[in-house]
Amino acid sequence: MAEKVQNAIPLSELAPGSKAKVLTLFAEGMVRRRLLDLGVVPQTIIECIRRSPIGDPTAYRIRGTTIGLRRDDAKQIMVEPLVE
């Protein structure tokens, strides 16, 4: 049975300027494949850079690359916020 992390949140709730560690992906099919291809894999550090003026999409930095994710896709990624 997978260990439950108490402070896990969906990536979509990560505030701009904050970093987190990817815990798991709930996405399936082509969306999951795309996220894995972008480097969104467990234990990877991801930083929320900024949100668009209307709140969607959001820019994230992962493995030195900036990617844009829609809120619906980011909701399927569980992360653990990192305290700096």
Foldseek 3Di string as FASTA:
>chain_A
DDDDDPQKAQQLPDDAPWKWFWADFQDDDPLVVVCVVVVRDGRWMKHFHAADPVRPWTWIATPNDIDTDGSVSSRRIITHTDDD
